[in-house]
Amino acid sequence: MNYEILKNPMGIIHISMNKGEKVTAEAGSMVFIKGDIETVTSMRKGGFLKTLKTVALGGESFFVNNFIAREDNCTLGLTGNMLGDIEVINVNEEFIVQ
């Protein structure tokens, strides 16, 4: 999996995926798909109460989409639901950035 952050006219992350690779993203963040990518919608990880806290305090969606490449050379474009930039943050645990 490779990605490139494009910033003009708005922040979009352009992801190249091969068969079996998976990306999890906020519901409503998909801009475009090229190739055979399956979309599976589910509740956020961590159980109902943790998800409810995330939705109430973080303003995030209750659901997320999992994009799974079913063939090589698929492309996925994602963006945020608000104006702003996309930046890379290296982390060792899960957290929410608003």
PDB file of N, CA and C in Angstrom:
ATOM      1  N   MET A   1       0.842  -1.167   0.000  1.00  0.00           N
ATOM      2  CA  MET A   1       0.000   0.000   0.000  1.00  0.00           C
ATOM      3  C   MET A   1       0.895   1.239   0.000  1.00  0.00           C
ATOM      4  N   ASN A   2       0.561   2.168  -0.873  1.00  0.00           N
ATOM      5  CA  ASN A   2       1.257   3.448  -0.942  1.00  0.00           C
ATOM      6  C   ASN A   2       0.223   4.552  -0.885  1.00  0.00           C
ATOM      7  N   TYR A   3       0.639   5.719  -0.415  1.00  0.00           N
ATOM      8  CA  TYR A   3      -0.276   6.847  -0.387  1.00  0.00           C
ATOM      9  C   TYR A   3       0.455   8.132  -0.753  1.00  0.00           C
ATOM     10  N   GLU A   4      -0.330   9.099  -1.203  1.00  0.00           N
ATOM     11  CA  GLU A   4       0.187  10.419  -1.521  1.00  0.00           C
ATOM     12  C   GLU A   4      -0.860  11.423  -1.046  1.00  0.00           C
ATOM     13  N   ILE A   5      -0.408  12.479  -0.369  1.00  0.00           N
ATOM     14  CA  ILE A   5      -1.318  13.522   0.084  1.00  0.00           C
ATOM     15  C   ILE A   5      -1.306  14.643  -0.941  1.00  0.00           C
ATOM     16  N   LEU A   6      -2.478  14.917  -1.506  1.00  0.00           N
ATOM     17  CA  LEU A   6      -2.632  15.990  -2.479  1.00  0.00           C
ATOM     18  C   LEU A   6      -3.339  17.145  -1.783  1.00  0.00           C
ATOM     19  N   LYS A   7      -2.860  18.371  -2.002  1.00  0.00           N
ATOM     20  CA  LYS A   7      -3.412  19.487  -1.244  1.00  0.00           C
ATOM     21  C   LYS A   7      -4.050  20.574  -2.090  1.00  0.00           C
ATOM     22  N   ASN A   8      -4.309  20.327  -3.354  1.00  0.00           N
ATOM     23  CA  ASN A   8      -4.885  21.375  -4.155  1.00  0.00           C
ATOM     24  C   ASN A   8      -6.005  20.799  -5.025  1.00  0.00           C
ATOM     25  N   PRO A   9      -7.219  21.212  -4.966  1.00  0.00           N
ATOM     26  CA  PRO A   9      -7.721  22.385  -4.261  1.00  0.00           C
ATOM     27  C   PRO A   9      -8.078  22.119  -2.807  1.00  0.00           C
ATOM     28  N   MET A  10      -8.144  20.863  -2.378  1.00  0.00           N
ATOM     29  CA  MET A  10      -8.428  20.522  -0.986  1.00  0.00           C
ATOM     30  C   MET A  10      -7.617  19.299  -0.612  1.00  0.00           C
ATOM     31  N   GLY A  11      -7.470  19.037   0.671  1.00  0.00           N
ATOM     32  CA  GLY A  11      -6.684  17.895   1.123  1.00  0.00           C
ATOM     33  C   GLY A  11      -7.345  16.566   0.796  1.00  0.00           C
ATOM     34  N   ILE A  12      -6.678  15.774  -0.020  1.00  0.00           N
ATOM     35  CA  ILE A  12      -7.146  14.428  -0.374  1.00  0.00           C
ATOM     36  C   ILE A  12      -5.974  13.477  -0.203  1.00  0.00           C
ATOM     37  N   ILE A  13      -6.243  12.305   0.368  1.00  0.00           N
ATOM     38  CA  ILE A  13      -5.219  11.266   0.413  1.00  0.00           C
ATOM     39  C   ILE A  13      -5.539  10.259  -0.687  1.00  0.00           C
ATOM     40  N   HIS A  14      -4.568  10.036  -1.554  1.00  0.00           N
ATOM     41  CA  HIS A  14      -4.687   9.154  -2.719  1.00  0.00           C
ATOM     42  C   HIS A  14      -3.954   7.867  -2.345  1.00  0.00           C
ATOM     43  N   ILE A  15      -4.690   6.754  -2.202  1.00  0.00           N
ATOM     44  CA  ILE A  15      -4.128   5.493  -1.717  1.00  0.00           C
ATOM     45  C   ILE A  15      -4.130   4.459  -2.835  1.00  0.00           C
ATOM     46  N   SER A  16      -2.968   3.843  -3.076  1.00  0.00           N
ATOM     47  CA  SER A  16      -2.847   2.735  -4.029  1.00  0.00           C
ATOM     48  C   SER A  16      -2.828   1.441  -3.228  1.00  0.00           C
ATOM     49  N   MET A  17      -3.722   0.516  -3.565  1.00  0.00           N
ATOM     50  CA  MET A  17      -3.876  -0.721  -2.797  1.00  0.00           C
ATOM     51  C   MET A  17      -3.721  -1.942  -3.689  1.00  0.00           C
ATOM     52  N   ASN A  18      -3.210  -3.017  -3.090  1.00  0.00           N
ATOM     53  CA  ASN A  18      -3.140  -4.306  -3.760  1.00  0.00           C
ATOM     54  C   ASN A  18      -4.097  -5.279  -3.091  1.00  0.00           C
ATOM     55  N   LYS A  19      -4.341  -6.390  -3.727  1.00  0.00           N
ATOM     56  CA  LYS A  19      -5.318  -7.382  -3.271  1.00  0.00           C
ATOM     57  C   LYS A  19      -5.121  -7.712  -1.792  1.00  0.00           C
ATOM     58  N   GLY A  20      -6.224  -7.633  -1.038  1.00  0.00           N
ATOM     59  CA  GLY A  20      -6.224  -8.000   0.378  1.00  0.00           C
ATOM     60  C   GLY A  20      -5.908  -6.854   1.332  1.00  0.00           C
ATOM     61  N   GLU A  21      -5.423  -5.749   0.822  1.00  0.00           N
ATOM     62  CA  GLU A  21      -5.115  -4.624   1.702  1.00  0.00           C
ATOM     63  C   GLU A  21      -6.402  -3.909   2.098  1.00  0.00           C
ATOM     64  N   LYS A  22      -6.416  -3.335   3.326  1.00  0.00           N
ATOM     65  CA  LYS A  22      -7.634  -2.757   3.878  1.00  0.00           C
ATOM     66  C   LYS A  22      -7.338  -1.389   4.485  1.00  0.00           C
ATOM     67  N   VAL A  23      -8.240  -0.453   4.274  1.00  0.00           N
ATOM     68  CA  VAL A  23      -8.171   0.881   4.860  1.00  0.00           C
ATOM     69  C   VAL A  23      -9.488   1.133   5.590  1.00  0.00           C
ATOM     70  N   THR A  24      -9.413   1.642   6.825  1.00  0.00           N
ATOM     71  CA  THR A  24     -10.604   2.013   7.576  1.00  0.00           C
ATOM     72  C   THR A  24     -10.690   3.532   7.618  1.00  0.00           C
ATOM     73  N   ALA A  25     -11.860   4.087   7.296  1.00  0.00           N
ATOM     74  CA  ALA A  25     -12.024   5.539   7.227  1.00  0.00           C
ATOM     75  C   ALA A  25     -13.392   5.947   7.751  1.00  0.00           C
ATOM     76  N   GLU A  26     -13.480   7.195   8.143  1.00  0.00           N
ATOM     77  CA  GLU A  26     -14.721   7.800   8.607  1.00  0.00           C
ATOM     78  C   GLU A  26     -15.803   7.657   7.537  1.00  0.00           C
ATOM     79  N   ALA A  27     -17.016   7.376   7.949  1.00  0.00           N
ATOM     80  CA  ALA A  27     -18.129   7.317   7.006  1.00  0.00           C
ATOM     81  C   ALA A  27     -18.264   8.663   6.305  1.00  0.00           C
ATOM     82  N   GLY A  28     -18.435   8.659   5.004  1.00  0.00           N
ATOM     83  CA  GLY A  28     -18.592   9.884   4.237  1.00  0.00           C
ATOM     84  C   GLY A  28     -17.291  10.508   3.761  1.00  0.00           C
ATOM     85  N   SER A  29     -16.157   9.837   3.974  1.00  0.00           N
ATOM     86  CA  SER A  29     -14.864  10.417   3.581  1.00  0.00           C
ATOM     87  C   SER A  29     -14.413  10.002   2.185  1.00  0.00           C
ATOM     88  N   MET A  30     -15.086   9.025   1.566  1.00  0.00           N
ATOM     89  CA  MET A  30     -14.660   8.527   0.264  1.00  0.00           C
ATOM     90  C   MET A  30     -15.006   9.535  -0.834  1.00  0.00           C
ATOM     91  N   VAL A  31     -14.005   9.864  -1.654  1.00  0.00           N
ATOM     92  CA  VAL A  31     -14.189  10.772  -2.780  1.00  0.00           C
ATOM     93  C   VAL A  31     -14.294   9.979  -4.076  1.00  0.00           C
ATOM     94  N   PHE A  32     -13.396   8.987  -4.247  1.00  0.00           N
ATOM     95  CA  PHE A  32     -13.454   8.165  -5.447  1.00  0.00           C
ATOM     96  C   PHE A  32     -12.844   6.795  -5.190  1.00  0.00           C
ATOM     97  N   ILE A  33     -13.251   5.833  -6.034  1.00  0.00           N
ATOM     98  CA  ILE A  33     -12.709   4.467  -6.016  1.00  0.00           C
ATOM     99  C   ILE A  33     -12.429   4.086  -7.457  1.00  0.00           C
ATOM    100  N   LYS A  34     -11.281   3.446  -7.670  1.00  0.00           N
ATOM    101  CA  LYS A  34     -10.962   2.883  -8.986  1.00  0.00           C
ATOM    102  C   LYS A  34     -10.517   1.450  -8.765  1.00  0.00           C
ATOM    103  N   GLY A  35     -11.175   0.525  -9.416  1.00  0.00           N
ATOM    104  CA  GLY A  35     -10.849  -0.893  -9.263  1.00  0.00           C
ATOM    105  C   GLY A  35     -11.883  -1.592  -8.402  1.00  0.00           C
ATOM    106  N   ASP A  36     -11.631  -2.864  -8.124  1.00  0.00           N
ATOM    107  CA  ASP A  36     -12.558  -3.697  -7.351  1.00  0.00           C
ATOM    108  C   ASP A  36     -12.247  -3.550  -5.863  1.00  0.00           C
ATOM    109  N   ILE A  37     -12.928  -2.597  -5.220  1.00  0.00           N
ATOM    110  CA  ILE A  37     -12.761  -2.363  -3.789  1.00  0.00           C
ATOM    111  C   ILE A  37     -14.108  -2.587  -3.121  1.00  0.00           C
ATOM    112  N   GLU A  38     -14.129  -3.496  -2.157  1.00  0.00           N
ATOM    113  CA  GLU A  38     -15.343  -3.785  -1.396  1.00  0.00           C
ATOM    114  C   GLU A  38     -15.438  -2.788  -0.237  1.00  0.00           C
ATOM    115  N   THR A  39     -16.636  -2.268  -0.007  1.00  0.00           N
ATOM    116  CA  THR A  39     -16.867  -1.358   1.104  1.00  0.00           C
ATOM    117  C   THR A  39     -17.748  -2.049   2.135  1.00  0.00           C
ATOM    118  N   VAL A  40     -17.250  -2.133   3.372  1.00  0.00           N
ATOM    119  CA  VAL A  40     -17.988  -2.758   4.464  1.00  0.00           C
ATOM    120  C   VAL A  40     -18.159  -1.714   5.566  1.00  0.00           C
ATOM    121  N   THR A  41     -19.411  -1.408   5.914  1.00  0.00           N
ATOM    122  CA  THR A  41     -19.694  -0.421   6.954  1.00  0.00           C
ATOM    123  C   THR A  41     -19.932  -1.137   8.272  1.00  0.00           C
ATOM    124  N   SER A  42     -19.319  -0.613   9.349  1.00  0.00           N
ATOM    125  CA  SER A  42     -19.484  -1.223  10.666  1.00  0.00           C
ATOM    126  C   SER A  42     -19.397  -0.155  11.748  1.00  0.00           C
ATOM    127  N   MET A  43     -19.763  -0.544  12.962  1.00  0.00           N
ATOM    128  CA  MET A  43     -19.636   0.349  14.105  1.00  0.00           C
ATOM    129  C   MET A  43     -18.149   0.470  14.473  1.00  0.00           C
ATOM    130  N   ARG A  44     -17.758   1.597  15.015  1.00  0.00           N
ATOM    131  CA  ARG A  44     -16.368   1.778  15.438  1.00  0.00           C
ATOM    132  C   ARG A  44     -15.936   0.689  16.413  1.00  0.00           C
ATOM    133  N   LYS A  45     -14.640   0.404  16.464  1.00  0.00           N
ATOM    134  CA  LYS A  45     -14.094  -0.570  17.411  1.00  0.00           C
ATOM    135  C   LYS A  45     -14.235  -0.059  18.837  1.00  0.00           C
ATOM    136  N   GLY A  46     -14.271  -0.977  19.770  1.00  0.00           N
ATOM    137  CA  GLY A  46     -14.221  -0.601  21.177  1.00  0.00           C
ATOM    138  C   GLY A  46     -15.529  -0.761  21.925  1.00  0.00           C
ATOM    139  N   GLY A  47     -16.558  -1.231  21.265  1.00  0.00           N
ATOM    140  CA  GLY A  47     -17.829  -1.429  21.938  1.00  0.00           C
ATOM    141  C   GLY A  47     -18.730  -0.217  21.889  1.00  0.00           C
ATOM    142  N   PHE A  48     -19.948  -0.429  22.306  1.00  0.00           N
ATOM    143  CA  PHE A  48     -20.997   0.590  22.180  1.00  0.00           C
ATOM    144  C   PHE A  48     -20.698   1.841  23.002  1.00  0.00           C
ATOM    145  N   LEU A  49     -20.314   1.687  24.271  1.00  0.00           N
ATOM    146  CA  LEU A  49     -20.108   2.853  25.137  1.00  0.00           C
ATOM    147  C   LEU A  49     -18.909   3.691  24.696  1.00  0.00           C
ATOM    148  N   LYS A  50     -17.811   3.052  24.314  1.00  0.00           N
ATOM    149  CA  LYS A  50     -16.649   3.798  23.829  1.00  0.00           C
ATOM    150  C   LYS A  50     -17.005   4.539  22.533  1.00  0.00           C
ATOM    151  N   THR A  51     -17.740   3.878  21.656  1.00  0.00           N
ATOM    152  CA  THR A  51     -18.165   4.505  20.406  1.00  0.00           C
ATOM    153  C   THR A  51     -19.087   5.688  20.685  1.00  0.00           C
ATOM    154  N   LEU A  52     -20.009   5.532  21.608  1.00  0.00           N
ATOM    155  CA  LEU A  52     -20.921   6.615  21.966  1.00  0.00           C
ATOM    156  C   LEU A  52     -20.148   7.821  22.501  1.00  0.00           C
ATOM    157  N   LYS A  53     -19.132   7.576  23.327  1.00  0.00           N
ATOM    158  CA  LYS A  53     -18.280   8.658  23.850  1.00  0.00           C
ATOM    159  C   LYS A  53     -17.550   9.365  22.712  1.00  0.00           C
ATOM    160  N   THR A  54     -17.018   8.607  21.770  1.00  0.00           N
ATOM    161  CA  THR A  54     -16.309   9.172  20.619  1.00  0.00           C
ATOM    162  C   THR A  54     -17.239  10.043  19.785  1.00  0.00           C
ATOM    163  N   VAL A  55     -18.455   9.577  19.577  1.00  0.00           N
ATOM    164  CA  VAL A  55     -19.436  10.325  18.788  1.00  0.00           C
ATOM    165  C   VAL A  55     -19.835  11.606  19.515  1.00  0.00           C
ATOM    166  N   ALA A  56     -20.107  11.503  20.820  1.00  0.00           N
ATOM    167  CA  ALA A  56     -20.576  12.655  21.593  1.00  0.00           C
ATOM    168  C   ALA A  56     -19.482  13.698  21.806  1.00  0.00           C
ATOM    169  N   LEU A  57     -18.282  13.271  22.173  1.00  0.00           N
ATOM    170  CA  LEU A  57     -17.209  14.206  22.512  1.00  0.00           C
ATOM    171  C   LEU A  57     -16.370  14.623  21.313  1.00  0.00           C
ATOM    172  N   GLY A  58     -16.186  13.725  20.365  1.00  0.00           N
ATOM    173  CA  GLY A  58     -15.314  14.015  19.232  1.00  0.00           C
ATOM    174  C   GLY A  58     -16.019  14.466  17.980  1.00  0.00           C
ATOM    175  N   GLY A  59     -17.343  14.377  17.983  1.00  0.00           N
ATOM    176  CA  GLY A  59     -18.090  14.793  16.801  1.00  0.00           C
ATOM    177  C   GLY A  59     -17.896  13.853  15.621  1.00  0.00           C
ATOM    178  N   GLU A  60     -17.440  12.651  15.887  1.00  0.00           N
ATOM    179  CA  GLU A  60     -17.191  11.682  14.821  1.00  0.00           C
ATOM    180  C   GLU A  60     -18.455  10.880  14.523  1.00  0.00           C
ATOM    181  N   SER A  61     -18.449  10.184  13.405  1.00  0.00           N
ATOM    182  CA  SER A  61     -19.564   9.338  13.005  1.00  0.00           C
ATOM    183  C   SER A  61     -19.586   8.067  13.850  1.00  0.00           C
ATOM    184  N   PHE A  62     -20.773   7.523  14.055  1.00  0.00           N
ATOM    185  CA  PHE A  62     -20.939   6.268  14.790  1.00  0.00           C
ATOM    186  C   PHE A  62     -20.380   5.094  13.987  1.00  0.00           C
ATOM    187  N   PHE A  63     -20.344   5.252  12.669  1.00  0.00           N
ATOM    188  CA  PHE A  63     -19.926   4.170  11.785  1.00  0.00           C
ATOM    189  C   PHE A  63     -18.633   4.512  11.053  1.00  0.00           C
ATOM    190  N   VAL A  64     -17.918   3.481  10.623  1.00  0.00           N
ATOM    191  CA  VAL A  64     -16.736   3.631   9.779  1.00  0.00           C
ATOM    192  C   VAL A  64     -16.889   2.705   8.574  1.00  0.00           C
ATOM    193  N   ASN A  65     -16.161   3.021   7.514  1.00  0.00           N
ATOM    194  CA  ASN A  65     -16.137   2.166   6.325  1.00  0.00           C
ATOM    195  C   ASN A  65     -14.787   1.479   6.225  1.00  0.00           C
ATOM    196  N   ASN A  66     -14.812   0.206   5.935  1.00  0.00           N
ATOM    197  CA  ASN A  66     -13.598  -0.562   5.655  1.00  0.00           C
ATOM    198  C   ASN A  66     -13.553  -0.796   4.152  1.00  0.00           C
ATOM    199  N   PHE A  67     -12.494  -0.321   3.522  1.00  0.00           N
ATOM    200  CA  PHE A  67     -12.306  -0.482   2.084  1.00  0.00           C
ATOM    201  C   PHE A  67     -11.285  -1.589   1.875  1.00  0.00           C
ATOM    202  N   ILE A  68     -11.686  -2.685   1.213  1.00  0.00           N
ATOM    203  CA  ILE A  68     -10.842  -3.858   1.026  1.00  0.00           C
ATOM    204  C   ILE A  68     -10.621  -4.084  -0.459  1.00  0.00           C
ATOM    205  N   ALA A  69      -9.355  -4.059  -0.885  1.00  0.00           N
ATOM    206  CA  ALA A  69      -9.020  -4.269  -2.301  1.00  0.00           C
ATOM    207  C   ALA A  69      -9.206  -5.741  -2.653  1.00  0.00           C
ATOM    208  N   ARG A  70      -9.945  -6.011  -3.711  1.00  0.00           N
ATOM    209  CA  ARG A  70     -10.185  -7.383  -4.176  1.00  0.00           C
ATOM    210  C   ARG A  70      -9.328  -7.727  -5.389  1.00  0.00           C
ATOM    211  N   GLU A  71      -8.493  -6.773  -5.844  1.00  0.00           N
ATOM    212  CA  GLU A  71      -7.549  -7.005  -6.937  1.00  0.00           C
ATOM    213  C   GLU A  71      -6.383  -6.031  -6.761  1.00  0.00           C
ATOM    214  N   ASP A  72      -5.305  -6.275  -7.482  1.00  0.00           N
ATOM    215  CA  ASP A  72      -4.148  -5.382  -7.434  1.00  0.00           C
ATOM    216  C   ASP A  72      -4.436  -4.081  -8.174  1.00  0.00           C
ATOM    217  N   ASN A  73      -3.645  -3.061  -7.858  1.00  0.00           N
ATOM    218  CA  ASN A  73      -3.691  -1.750  -8.531  1.00  0.00           C
ATOM    219  C   ASN A  73      -5.024  -1.023  -8.380  1.00  0.00           C
ATOM    220  N   CYS A  74      -5.615  -1.077  -7.202  1.00  0.00           N
ATOM    221  CA  CYS A  74      -6.818  -0.311  -6.915  1.00  0.00           C
ATOM    222  C   CYS A  74      -6.412   1.058  -6.369  1.00  0.00           C
ATOM    223  N   THR A  75      -7.287   2.028  -6.527  1.00  0.00           N
ATOM    224  CA  THR A  75      -7.021   3.380  -6.041  1.00  0.00           C
ATOM    225  C   THR A  75      -8.220   3.873  -5.246  1.00  0.00           C
ATOM    226  N   LEU A  76      -7.932   4.531  -4.131  1.00  0.00           N
ATOM    227  CA  LEU A  76      -8.964   5.057  -3.248  1.00  0.00           C
ATOM    228  C   LEU A  76      -8.609   6.498  -2.912  1.00  0.00           C
ATOM    229  N   GLY A  77      -9.590   7.393  -2.980  1.00  0.00           N
ATOM    230  CA  GLY A  77      -9.389   8.794  -2.611  1.00  0.00           C
ATOM    231  C   GLY A  77     -10.243   9.132  -1.409  1.00  0.00           C
ATOM    232  N   LEU A  78      -9.616   9.654  -0.342  1.00  0.00           N
ATOM    233  CA  LEU A  78     -10.329  10.002   0.880  1.00  0.00           C
ATOM    234  C   LEU A  78     -10.063  11.453   1.250  1.00  0.00           C
ATOM    235  N   THR A  79     -11.035  12.066   1.894  1.00  0.00           N
ATOM    236  CA  THR A  79     -10.866  13.428   2.411  1.00  0.00           C
ATOM    237  C   THR A  79     -11.609  13.545   3.725  1.00  0.00           C
ATOM    238  N   GLY A  80     -11.351  14.617   4.449  1.00  0.00           N
ATOM    239  CA  GLY A  80     -12.059  14.877   5.694  1.00  0.00           C
ATOM    240  C   GLY A  80     -13.421  15.489   5.424  1.00  0.00           C
ATOM    241  N   ASN A  81     -14.263  15.522   6.461  1.00  0.00           N
ATOM    242  CA  ASN A  81     -15.602  16.079   6.268  1.00  0.00           C
ATOM    243  C   ASN A  81     -15.652  17.581   6.531  1.00  0.00           C
ATOM    244  N   MET A  82     -14.517  18.177   6.890  1.00  0.00           N
ATOM    245  CA  MET A  82     -14.450  19.620   7.129  1.00  0.00           C
ATOM    246  C   MET A  82     -13.267  20.190   6.360  1.00  0.00           C
ATOM    247  N   LEU A  83     -13.276  21.495   6.152  1.00  0.00           N
ATOM    248  CA  LEU A  83     -12.129  22.129   5.522  1.00  0.00           C
ATOM    249  C   LEU A  83     -10.906  21.975   6.405  1.00  0.00           C
ATOM    250  N   GLY A  84      -9.769  21.802   5.791  1.00  0.00           N
ATOM    251  CA  GLY A  84      -8.530  21.648   6.540  1.00  0.00           C
ATOM    252  C   GLY A  84      -7.533  20.854   5.735  1.00  0.00           C
ATOM    253  N   ASP A  85      -6.471  20.467   6.374  1.00  0.00           N
ATOM    254  CA  ASP A  85      -5.403  19.733   5.728  1.00  0.00           C
ATOM    255  C   ASP A  85      -5.350  18.298   6.202  1.00  0.00           C
ATOM    256  N   ILE A  86      -4.627  17.491   5.452  1.00  0.00           N
ATOM    257  CA  ILE A  86      -4.345  16.112   5.828  1.00  0.00           C
ATOM    258  C   ILE A  86      -2.852  16.035   6.077  1.00  0.00           C
ATOM    259  N   GLU A  87      -2.470  15.516   7.228  1.00  0.00           N
ATOM    260  CA  GLU A  87      -1.067  15.391   7.601  1.00  0.00           C
ATOM    261  C   GLU A  87      -0.802  13.970   8.096  1.00  0.00           C
ATOM    262  N   VAL A  88       0.444  13.531   8.005  1.00  0.00           N
ATOM    263  CA  VAL A  88       0.860  12.231   8.520  1.00  0.00           C
ATOM    264  C   VAL A  88       1.246  12.394   9.980  1.00  0.00           C
ATOM    265  N   ILE A  89       0.702  11.544  10.848  1.00  0.00           N
ATOM    266  CA  ILE A  89       1.058  11.518  12.265  1.00  0.00           C
ATOM    267  C   ILE A  89       1.422  10.081  12.603  1.00  0.00           C
ATOM    268  N   ASN A  90       2.651   9.834  13.018  1.00  0.00           N
ATOM    269  CA  ASN A  90       3.081   8.498  13.403  1.00  0.00           C
ATOM    270  C   ASN A  90       2.683   8.244  14.852  1.00  0.00           C
ATOM    271  N   VAL A  91       1.921   7.181  15.074  1.00  0.00           N
ATOM    272  CA  VAL A  91       1.411   6.878  16.424  1.00  0.00           C
ATOM    273  C   VAL A  91       1.613   5.401  16.741  1.00  0.00           C
ATOM    274  N   ASN A  92       1.568   5.084  18.037  1.00  0.00           N
ATOM    275  CA  ASN A  92       1.667   3.702  18.483  1.00  0.00           C
ATOM    276  C   ASN A  92       0.352   3.180  19.054  1.00  0.00           C
ATOM    277  N   GLU A  93      -0.647   4.071  19.134  1.00  0.00           N
ATOM    278  CA  GLU A  93      -1.952   3.676  19.651  1.00  0.00           C
ATOM    279  C   GLU A  93      -3.039   4.437  18.900  1.00  0.00           C
ATOM    280  N   GLU A  94      -4.285   4.055  19.119  1.00  0.00           N
ATOM    281  CA  GLU A  94      -5.395   4.683  18.434  1.00  0.00           C
ATOM    282  C   GLU A  94      -5.800   5.959  19.161  1.00  0.00           C
ATOM    283  N   PHE A  95      -6.043   7.043  18.400  1.00  0.00           N
ATOM    284  CA  PHE A  95      -6.575   8.254  18.979  1.00  0.00           C
ATOM    285  C   PHE A  95      -7.335   9.048  17.919  1.00  0.00           C
ATOM    286  N   ILE A  96      -8.079  10.069  18.358  1.00  0.00           N
ATOM    287  CA  ILE A  96      -8.927  10.850  17.475  1.00  0.00           C
ATOM    288  C   ILE A  96      -8.355  12.253  17.362  1.00  0.00           C
ATOM    289  N   VAL A  97      -8.257  12.764  16.150  1.00  0.00           N
ATOM    290  CA  VAL A  97      -7.810  14.129  15.918  1.00  0.00           C
ATOM    291  C   VAL A  97      -8.941  14.867  15.236  1.00  0.00           C
ATOM    292  N   GLN A  98      -9.349  15.992  15.764  1.00  0.00           N
ATOM    293  CA  GLN A  98     -10.446  16.772  15.194  1.00  0.00           C
ATOM    294  C   GLN A  98      -9.892  18.008  14.534  1.00  0.00           C
TER     295      GLN A  98
END
